[in-house]
């Protein structure tokens, strides 16, 4: 790793692409989605009108919520967390037809699974979604979700596929980069209007999805919040207690809340409850990662790399590689790209990179499919025999085709056009 700082500059370029589209590509994506809004009104009105955006005036957090009956909605805990004013002066939802309504009550809170159920007294929705009874899904099963990306007014409809089932979250590939706003969106099977999960966090084109069973369990408890502030105190205090008792998932969730900028708001609860809690995301992700929590290993590793000093970068990479060895799909993608940048001087780096990217791409990770296509395109262009050129061209087109056709990834379609000089044909 002797050229770590030189290589790191290239890795920063990679992470920039990892987090967001260029403005041109983002415009193309949103242009297509805006045109599809008209189809919702005709073909999928019940889905579009079952989803609303949510705004927390106290923390300025935004998210998505969805109706499970005429006046109750499910969303993420982090979207409604940590306010002290009356709920009807703090939480607001906006429906598909732009009608804004104040939330009347918080019915259930579950910070451990990042879930909340809200109630409206002054609004009755004609449409709602049905919760599935089970979490079962098949690998690469097609899914879709509807939600409101932050700072973008139109409803966003996304397609993707389930990647893997985890101890706490299921992982799905979702076709977008924007992080804010999609939290709390319902995840539905492609062929059914049944909710199979709730988007917990969405980044790197991957959505961590809280299984629908957790929503069903929360509702089945019947533990209704009687008073909003005391209910939040109880919920946050339970999370603090579990984190202090070395529960790795509670530690991961607490780190995630802090990563979302909720530290100043959680500090109020720490003081009022008289708890000895350090509000440091690195600490809680580190503790969770030490217990082998997969998502914490990846998050802690990436957060260390962002510190940009040699020791932290090395430790961050080690954490990410451990998560990759445990089979985590996003970690395999990141490791594959690290081996082309920061770790490019490692023995057999390109061969190892190819293996990690193939693993992630074969599970449906669209960025892995795209970068694997670019990897083979470079080999195609550098090959000195017709046989090798034909082999690598075929592989490049295969993976770009997966990204473009199955995941609607525009840059991959552009790559195909450049390689073949012709338009894509439907399979």
Protein backbone atom coordinates (compact mmCIF):
# COMPACT_ATOMS: atom_id res chain seq x y z
CA UNK A 1 0.00 0.00 0.00
CA UNK A 2 2.98 2.26 -0.62
CA UNK A 3 1.08 4.57 -3.01
CA UNK A 4 -1.94 4.86 -0.72
CA UNK A 5 -2.33 8.63 -0.85
CA UNK A 6 -1.88 8.83 -4.61
CA UNK A 7 -4.33 5.97 -5.08
CA UNK A 8 -6.70 7.50 -2.56
CA UNK A 9 -7.30 10.48 -4.81
CA UNK A 10 -8.64 8.07 -7.42
CA UNK A 11 -10.74 6.34 -4.77
CA UNK A 12 -12.33 9.67 -3.88
CA UNK A 13 -13.37 10.04 -7.50
CA UNK A 14 -14.89 6.57 -7.30
CA UNK A 15 -16.79 7.36 -4.09
CA UNK A 16 -18.14 10.56 -5.68
CA UNK A 17 -19.64 8.43 -8.45
CA UNK A 18 -20.66 5.90 -5.82
CA UNK A 19 -22.81 8.46 -4.02
CA UNK A 20 -24.42 10.51 -6.80
CA UNK A 21 -25.21 10.84 -10.47
CA UNK A 22 -23.68 13.65 -12.45
CA UNK A 23 -26.18 16.45 -12.98
CA UNK A 24 -26.78 15.35 -16.56
CA UNK A 25 -27.52 11.74 -15.64
CA UNK A 26 -29.68 12.78 -12.69
CA UNK A 27 -31.71 14.98 -15.02
CA UNK A 28 -32.22 12.09 -17.41
CA UNK A 29 -33.42 9.83 -14.62
CA UNK A 30 -35.86 12.34 -13.19
CA UNK A 31 -37.13 13.27 -16.64
CA UNK A 32 -38.17 9.67 -17.25
CA UNK A 33 -39.73 9.36 -13.81
CA UNK A 34 -41.72 12.57 -14.25
CA UNK A 35 -43.23 11.27 -17.48
CA UNK A 36 -44.26 8.09 -15.68
CA UNK A 37 -46.31 10.02 -13.13
CA UNK A 38 -49.14 10.19 -15.67
CA UNK A 39 -49.19 6.40 -15.81
CA UNK A 40 -49.63 6.20 -12.04
CA UNK A 41 -52.84 8.16 -12.25
CA UNK A 42 -54.25 5.67 -14.73
CA UNK A 43 -52.69 2.32 -13.89
CA UNK A 44 -51.36 2.53 -10.35
CA UNK A 45 -53.40 5.23 -8.65
CA UNK A 46 -54.00 3.06 -5.59
CA UNK A 47 -50.23 2.74 -5.09
CA UNK A 48 -49.39 6.39 -5.73
CA UNK A 49 -52.12 7.65 -3.41
CA UNK A 50 -51.12 5.16 -0.70
CA UNK A 51 -47.73 6.87 -0.31
CA UNK A 52 -46.99 10.28 1.22
CA UNK A 53 -43.95 12.38 2.03
CA UNK A 54 -43.30 13.25 5.67
CA UNK A 55 -41.58 16.30 7.17
CA UNK A 56 -40.29 16.71 10.72
CA UNK A 57 -40.30 20.44 11.45
CA UNK A 58 -38.16 20.04 14.58
CA UNK A 59 -35.23 18.21 12.95
CA UNK A 60 -35.93 19.16 9.29
CA UNK A 61 -35.85 15.44 8.46
CA UNK A 62 -37.76 14.26 5.39
CA UNK A 63 -38.92 10.80 4.47
CA UNK A 64 -41.67 8.67 3.02
CA UNK A 65 -44.67 7.08 4.74
CA UNK A 66 -47.42 4.78 3.48
CA UNK A 67 -51.00 4.15 4.54
CA UNK A 68 -51.88 0.76 6.03
CA UNK A 69 -55.49 1.81 6.53
CA UNK A 70 -57.51 4.98 5.99
CA UNK A 71 -55.76 7.03 8.68
CA UNK A 72 -52.62 5.19 9.81
CA UNK A 73 -49.21 5.27 8.18
CA UNK A 74 -45.91 3.43 8.59
CA UNK A 75 -42.57 5.24 8.35
CA UNK A 76 -39.07 5.16 9.89
CA UNK A 77 -38.41 6.09 13.50
CA UNK A 78 -35.55 8.37 12.50
CA UNK A 79 -37.96 10.48 10.42
CA UNK A 80 -40.16 11.30 13.44
CA UNK A 81 -37.61 11.14 16.25
CA UNK A 82 -36.71 13.59 18.92
CA UNK A 83 -39.20 16.45 19.10
CA UNK A 84 -40.71 18.13 22.14
CA UNK A 85 -43.42 20.31 20.60
CA UNK A 86 -46.99 19.02 20.04
CA UNK A 87 -47.02 16.37 17.32
CA UNK A 88 -49.59 18.24 15.21
CA UNK A 89 -47.22 21.22 15.11
CA UNK A 90 -44.18 19.11 14.21
CA UNK A 91 -44.96 16.23 11.86
CA UNK A 92 -46.68 16.78 8.49
CA UNK A 93 -47.46 14.52 5.58
CA UNK A 94 -48.08 15.54 1.97
CA UNK A 95 -50.14 13.25 -0.23
CA UNK A 96 -49.72 12.51 -3.91
CA UNK A 97 -52.11 15.33 -4.82
CA UNK A 98 -50.05 17.75 -2.66
CA UNK A 99 -52.54 17.91 0.21
CA UNK A 100 -50.65 18.65 3.45
CA UNK A 101 -51.98 17.18 6.69
CA UNK A 102 -50.69 17.42 10.27
CA UNK A 103 -50.04 14.14 12.07
CA UNK A 104 -52.38 13.78 15.05
CA UNK A 105 -50.80 10.95 17.04
CA UNK A 106 -47.81 8.66 17.21
CA UNK A 107 -49.33 5.20 17.65
CA UNK A 108 -46.26 2.94 17.87
CA UNK A 109 -42.51 3.55 18.08
CA UNK A 110 -39.77 0.96 17.57
CA UNK A 111 -36.29 2.51 17.31
CA UNK A 112 -34.58 -0.90 17.34
CA UNK A 113 -36.14 -1.70 13.96
CA UNK A 114 -36.40 1.99 13.01
CA UNK A 115 -40.18 1.91 12.66
CA UNK A 116 -43.05 4.21 13.58
CA UNK A 117 -46.80 4.13 13.04
CA UNK A 118 -48.60 7.47 12.81
CA UNK A 119 -52.28 8.45 12.92
CA UNK A 120 -54.27 11.22 11.24
CA UNK A 121 -57.52 12.55 12.73
CA UNK A 122 -58.34 15.07 10.02
CA UNK A 123 -57.75 12.97 6.91
CA UNK A 124 -59.04 9.69 5.55
CA UNK A 125 -57.20 8.02 2.67
CA UNK A 126 -59.20 6.22 0.03
CA UNK A 127 -56.16 4.03 -0.70
CA UNK A 128 -53.89 1.93 1.49
CA UNK A 129 -51.42 -0.93 1.18
CA UNK A 130 -51.66 -4.44 2.61
CA UNK A 131 -48.81 -5.84 4.69
CA UNK A 132 -47.60 -9.27 3.62
CA UNK A 133 -47.78 -11.99 6.24
CA UNK A 134 -44.25 -13.33 5.69
CA UNK A 135 -40.76 -12.16 4.79
CA UNK A 136 -40.07 -14.89 2.27
CA UNK A 137 -38.52 -13.84 -1.00
CA UNK A 138 -36.41 -15.48 -3.66
CA UNK A 139 -32.93 -14.28 -4.56
CA UNK A 140 -33.08 -11.69 -7.34
CA UNK A 141 -36.87 -11.49 -6.98
CA UNK A 142 -38.04 -8.27 -8.62
CA UNK A 143 -39.28 -5.53 -6.32
CA UNK A 144 -40.50 -1.95 -6.60
CA UNK A 145 -40.88 0.96 -4.27
CA UNK A 146 -42.54 4.38 -4.28
CA UNK A 147 -41.26 7.38 -2.37
CA UNK A 148 -40.24 11.00 -2.28
CA UNK A 149 -36.59 11.85 -2.87
CA UNK A 150 -35.60 14.93 -0.87
CA UNK A 151 -35.92 18.23 -2.76
CA UNK A 152 -37.74 16.53 -5.62
CA UNK A 153 -41.50 17.10 -5.57
CA UNK A 154 -42.74 14.26 -7.77
CA UNK A 155 -43.34 10.74 -6.57
CA UNK A 156 -40.40 8.52 -7.52
CA UNK A 157 -41.09 4.98 -8.64
CA UNK A 158 -38.14 2.61 -8.52
CA UNK A 159 -37.58 -0.97 -9.55
CA UNK A 160 -34.95 -3.37 -8.31
CA UNK A 161 -34.32 -6.85 -6.97
CA UNK A 162 -33.78 -8.54 -3.64
CA UNK A 163 -30.14 -9.46 -3.09
CA UNK A 164 -29.84 -11.24 0.24
CA UNK A 165 -31.52 -11.93 3.55
CA UNK A 166 -29.67 -10.68 6.63
CA UNK A 167 -29.90 -11.09 10.39
CA UNK A 168 -31.58 -7.71 10.83
CA UNK A 169 -32.26 -6.36 7.33
CA UNK A 170 -32.94 -7.75 3.92
CA UNK A 171 -30.90 -6.13 1.17
CA UNK A 172 -32.37 -4.95 -2.12
CA UNK A 173 -30.88 -3.33 -5.17
CA UNK A 174 -32.72 -0.09 -5.91
CA UNK A 175 -32.11 2.00 -8.98
CA UNK A 176 -31.11 5.32 -7.54
CA UNK A 177 -28.32 7.12 -5.77
CA UNK A 178 -30.10 9.78 -3.76
CA UNK A 179 -29.94 8.97 -0.06
CA UNK A 180 -32.40 11.37 1.56
CA UNK A 181 -36.15 11.05 1.39
CA UNK A 182 -36.72 7.40 0.42
CA UNK A 183 -36.46 6.16 4.02
CA UNK A 184 -39.79 4.71 5.08
CA UNK A 185 -40.90 3.82 1.55
CA UNK A 186 -42.82 0.57 1.10
CA UNK A 187 -41.13 -2.28 -0.78
CA UNK A 188 -43.49 -4.41 -2.85
CA UNK A 189 -43.02 -7.52 -4.93
CA UNK A 190 -43.18 -6.73 -8.63
CA UNK A 191 -46.25 -8.87 -9.30
CA UNK A 192 -48.14 -8.20 -6.07
CA UNK A 193 -49.36 -5.14 -4.22
CA UNK A 194 -48.23 -6.58 -0.89
CA UNK A 195 -45.70 -4.75 1.28
CA UNK A 196 -42.74 -7.07 1.92
CA UNK A 197 -40.56 -4.52 3.72
CA UNK A 198 -39.77 -0.90 4.54
CA UNK A 199 -36.75 1.02 3.25
CA UNK A 200 -34.50 1.68 6.25
CA UNK A 201 -31.67 3.43 4.48
CA UNK A 202 -30.78 3.82 0.85
CA UNK A 203 -27.33 4.54 -0.48
CA UNK A 204 -24.82 3.20 -2.97
CA UNK A 205 -27.82 1.96 -5.01
CA UNK A 206 -28.60 -0.46 -2.19
CA UNK A 207 -31.57 -0.36 0.13
CA UNK A 208 -31.43 -1.96 3.55
CA UNK A 209 -34.98 -3.14 4.02
CA UNK A 210 -36.66 -3.76 7.36
CA UNK A 211 -38.64 -7.01 6.95
CA UNK A 212 -42.42 -6.68 7.00
CA UNK A 213 -42.57 -9.14 9.93
CA UNK A 214 -41.09 -6.39 12.13
CA UNK A 215 -43.99 -4.10 11.22
CA UNK A 216 -46.50 -6.85 11.95
CA UNK A 217 -44.83 -7.59 15.30
CA UNK A 218 -44.89 -3.91 16.27
CA UNK A 219 -48.58 -3.59 15.53
CA UNK A 220 -49.33 -6.90 17.28
CA UNK A 221 -47.81 -5.67 20.56
CA UNK A 222 -50.76 -3.32 21.02
CA UNK A 223 -48.49 -0.96 23.00
CA UNK A 224 -50.07 2.28 21.85
CA UNK A 225 -48.36 5.57 22.68
CA UNK A 226 -50.56 7.50 25.10
CA UNK A 227 -48.48 10.67 25.15
CA UNK A 228 -45.93 11.56 22.49
CA UNK A 229 -43.05 12.91 24.57
CA UNK A 230 -43.11 10.15 27.21
CA UNK A 231 -43.43 7.59 24.42
CA UNK A 232 -40.29 8.97 22.76
CA UNK A 233 -38.46 8.96 26.10
CA UNK A 234 -39.37 5.29 26.58
CA UNK A 235 -38.35 4.37 23.04
CA UNK A 236 -35.01 6.20 23.09
CA UNK A 237 -34.23 4.96 26.60
CA UNK A 238 -34.79 1.35 25.49
CA UNK A 239 -32.35 1.86 22.61
CA UNK A 240 -29.75 3.37 24.97
CA UNK A 241 -30.16 0.42 27.34
CA UNK A 242 -29.72 -2.20 24.61
CA UNK A 243 -26.70 -0.40 23.17
CA UNK A 244 -25.08 -0.23 26.63
CA UNK A 245 -25.82 -3.94 27.08
CA UNK A 246 -23.68 -4.68 23.99
CA UNK A 247 -26.54 -5.41 21.62
CA UNK A 248 -24.76 -4.94 18.25
CA UNK A 249 -27.89 -3.97 16.34
CA UNK A 250 -28.88 -1.33 18.90
CA UNK A 251 -25.32 -0.01 18.65
CA UNK A 252 -25.57 0.10 14.85
CA UNK A 253 -28.95 1.89 14.96
CA UNK A 254 -27.66 4.44 17.47
CA UNK A 255 -24.64 5.09 15.25
CA UNK A 256 -26.97 5.54 12.31
CA UNK A 257 -29.16 8.07 14.18
CA UNK A 258 -26.02 10.03 15.03
CA UNK A 259 -24.82 9.81 11.44
CA UNK A 260 -28.09 11.45 10.41
CA UNK A 261 -27.28 14.50 12.51
CA UNK A 262 -29.65 13.67 15.37
CA UNK A 263 -26.93 13.98 18.04
CA UNK A 264 -28.06 17.39 19.38
CA UNK A 265 -31.63 16.09 19.71
CA UNK A 266 -30.57 12.82 21.36
CA UNK A 267 -28.42 14.85 23.78
CA UNK A 268 -31.64 16.21 25.32
CA UNK A 269 -32.75 12.66 26.17
CA UNK A 270 -29.31 11.79 27.55
CA UNK A 271 -29.49 14.77 29.89
CA UNK A 272 -33.13 14.32 30.91
CA UNK A 273 -32.74 10.58 31.46
CA UNK A 274 -29.44 11.00 33.31
CA UNK A 275 -27.80 8.39 31.07
CA UNK A 276 -24.07 7.94 30.56
CA UNK A 277 -24.19 7.67 26.77
CA UNK A 278 -21.47 8.85 24.40
CA UNK A 279 -23.02 10.35 21.29
CA UNK A 280 -20.29 9.28 18.88
CA UNK A 281 -21.24 7.36 15.75
CA UNK A 282 -17.71 5.98 15.33
CA UNK A 283 -17.81 4.45 18.81
CA UNK A 284 -21.14 2.70 18.30
CA UNK A 285 -20.33 1.47 14.78
CA UNK A 286 -16.96 0.26 16.07
CA UNK A 287 -18.57 -1.67 18.95
CA UNK A 288 -21.18 -3.17 16.60
CA UNK A 289 -18.51 -4.11 14.05
CA UNK A 290 -16.46 -5.81 16.79
CA UNK A 291 -19.47 -8.09 17.33
CA UNK A 292 -19.54 -8.89 13.61
CA UNK A 293 -22.57 -6.77 12.63
CA UNK A 294 -22.25 -6.79 8.82
CA UNK A 295 -23.75 -3.36 8.09
CA UNK A 296 -21.69 -1.83 10.91
CA UNK A 297 -18.48 -3.33 9.48
CA UNK A 298 -19.19 -1.65 6.14
CA UNK A 299 -20.33 1.68 7.60
CA UNK A 300 -17.47 1.89 10.08
CA UNK A 301 -14.98 0.98 7.37
CA UNK A 302 -16.25 3.66 4.99
CA UNK A 303 -16.35 6.26 7.77
CA UNK A 304 -12.72 5.51 8.66
CA UNK A 305 -11.66 5.89 5.03
CA UNK A 306 -13.31 9.32 4.96
CA UNK A 307 -10.87 10.48 7.66
CA UNK A 308 -8.14 10.41 4.98
CA UNK A 309 -5.15 9.42 7.12
CA UNK A 310 -3.10 6.32 6.45
CA UNK A 311 -3.85 4.43 9.68
CA UNK A 312 -7.62 4.95 9.46
CA UNK A 313 -7.70 4.09 5.77
CA UNK A 314 -5.93 0.79 6.44
CA UNK A 315 -8.28 -0.07 9.30
CA UNK A 316 -11.32 0.97 7.26
CA UNK A 317 -10.29 -1.24 4.37
CA UNK A 318 -9.76 -4.15 6.76
CA UNK A 319 -13.32 -3.80 8.08
CA UNK A 320 -14.79 -3.64 4.60
CA UNK A 321 -12.85 -6.73 3.52
CA UNK A 322 -14.09 -8.66 6.55
CA UNK A 323 -17.67 -7.76 5.58
CA UNK A 324 -16.91 -8.89 2.01
CA UNK A 325 -15.51 -12.20 3.25
CA UNK A 326 -18.75 -12.71 5.17
CA UNK A 327 -20.57 -12.42 1.85
CA UNK A 328 -21.97 -8.90 2.14
CA UNK A 329 -22.81 -7.79 -1.41
CA UNK A 330 -22.14 -4.01 -1.09
CA UNK A 331 -18.86 -4.77 0.71
CA UNK A 332 -17.80 -7.03 -2.16
CA UNK A 333 -18.49 -4.22 -4.60
CA UNK A 334 -16.50 -1.70 -2.54
CA UNK A 335 -13.63 -4.18 -2.13
CA UNK A 336 -13.60 -4.79 -5.87
CA UNK A 337 -13.25 -1.08 -6.55
CA UNK A 338 -10.64 -0.60 -3.80
CA UNK A 339 -8.50 -3.24 -5.52
CA UNK A 340 -8.53 -1.08 -8.65
CA UNK A 341 -7.62 2.10 -6.75
CA UNK A 342 -6.21 2.19 -3.22
CA UNK A 343 -5.09 -1.45 -3.31
CA UNK A 344 -3.94 -1.57 -6.93
CA UNK A 345 -0.36 -2.46 -5.94
CA UNK A 346 -1.49 -5.60 -4.09
CA UNK A 347 -0.48 -8.91 -5.64
CA UNK A 348 -3.07 -10.15 -8.17
CA UNK A 349 -5.15 -7.03 -7.43
CA UNK A 350 -7.05 -7.04 -10.75
CA UNK A 351 -7.86 -10.74 -10.51
CA UNK A 352 -9.15 -10.27 -6.95
CA UNK A 353 -11.10 -7.20 -8.03
CA UNK A 354 -12.74 -9.18 -10.81
CA UNK A 355 -13.77 -11.93 -8.36
CA UNK A 356 -15.34 -9.48 -5.91
CA UNK A 357 -17.17 -7.60 -8.66
CA UNK A 358 -18.47 -10.85 -10.20
CA UNK A 359 -19.80 -11.90 -6.79
CA UNK A 360 -21.66 -8.60 -6.30
CA UNK A 361 -22.79 -8.33 -9.93
CA UNK A 362 -24.16 -11.87 -9.97
CA UNK A 363 -26.31 -10.95 -6.96
CA UNK A 364 -27.84 -8.04 -8.89
CA UNK A 365 -25.68 -5.12 -7.71
CA UNK A 366 -26.10 -2.67 -10.59
CA UNK A 367 -22.94 -0.66 -9.95
CA UNK A 368 -20.93 -3.88 -9.83
CA UNK A 369 -22.52 -4.92 -13.14
CA UNK A 370 -21.65 -1.56 -14.67
CA UNK A 371 -18.07 -1.43 -13.38
CA UNK A 372 -17.51 -5.06 -14.33
CA UNK A 373 -18.68 -4.16 -17.82
CA UNK A 374 -16.15 -1.32 -17.88
CA UNK A 375 -13.47 -3.68 -16.55
CA UNK A 376 -14.04 -6.09 -19.46
CA UNK A 377 -14.36 -3.27 -21.97
CA UNK A 378 -10.87 -2.11 -21.03
CA UNK A 379 -9.55 -5.65 -21.45
CA UNK A 380 -11.34 -5.84 -24.83
CA UNK A 381 -9.72 -2.62 -26.00
CA UNK A 382 -6.28 -3.69 -24.78
CA UNK A 383 -6.37 -7.28 -26.11
CA UNK A 384 -3.90 -8.18 -28.84
CA UNK A 385 -5.73 -11.17 -30.35
CA UNK A 386 -9.12 -11.52 -32.00
CA UNK A 387 -9.98 -14.40 -29.68
CA UNK A 388 -9.41 -12.32 -26.54
CA UNK A 389 -11.18 -9.32 -28.05
CA UNK A 390 -14.25 -11.45 -28.78
CA UNK A 391 -14.23 -12.94 -25.26
CA UNK A 392 -13.95 -9.63 -23.39
CA UNK A 393 -16.39 -7.85 -25.69
CA UNK A 394 -18.95 -10.55 -24.98
CA UNK A 395 -18.42 -10.21 -21.22
CA UNK A 396 -18.58 -6.41 -21.34
CA UNK A 397 -21.84 -6.48 -23.26
CA UNK A 398 -23.26 -9.16 -20.96
CA UNK A 399 -22.76 -7.16 -17.75
CA UNK A 400 -23.67 -3.81 -19.27
CA UNK A 401 -26.75 -5.51 -20.70
CA UNK A 402 -27.73 -6.77 -17.22
CA UNK A 403 -27.34 -3.29 -15.78
CA UNK A 404 -29.19 -1.57 -18.63
CA UNK A 405 -32.04 -4.00 -19.32
CA UNK A 406 -32.75 -5.41 -15.89
CA UNK A 407 -31.94 -2.35 -13.82
CA UNK A 408 -32.61 0.50 -16.27
CA UNK A 409 -29.14 1.93 -15.66
CA UNK A 410 -28.58 4.60 -18.30
CA UNK A 411 -24.75 4.78 -18.23
CA UNK A 412 -24.60 1.07 -19.05
CA UNK A 413 -26.81 1.64 -22.09
CA UNK A 414 -24.41 4.36 -23.22
CA UNK A 415 -21.51 1.92 -22.85
CA UNK A 416 -23.30 -0.61 -25.05
CA UNK A 417 -23.88 2.02 -27.72
CA UNK A 418 -20.20 2.96 -27.65
CA UNK A 419 -19.03 -0.66 -27.84
CA UNK A 420 -21.39 -1.79 -30.57
CA UNK A 421 -22.15 1.48 -32.32
CA UNK A 422 -25.81 0.41 -32.53
CA UNK A 423 -28.97 0.62 -30.45
CA UNK A 424 -29.87 -2.03 -27.92
CA UNK A 425 -32.23 -4.73 -29.12
CA UNK A 426 -34.90 -6.07 -26.81
CA UNK A 427 -34.28 -9.61 -25.66
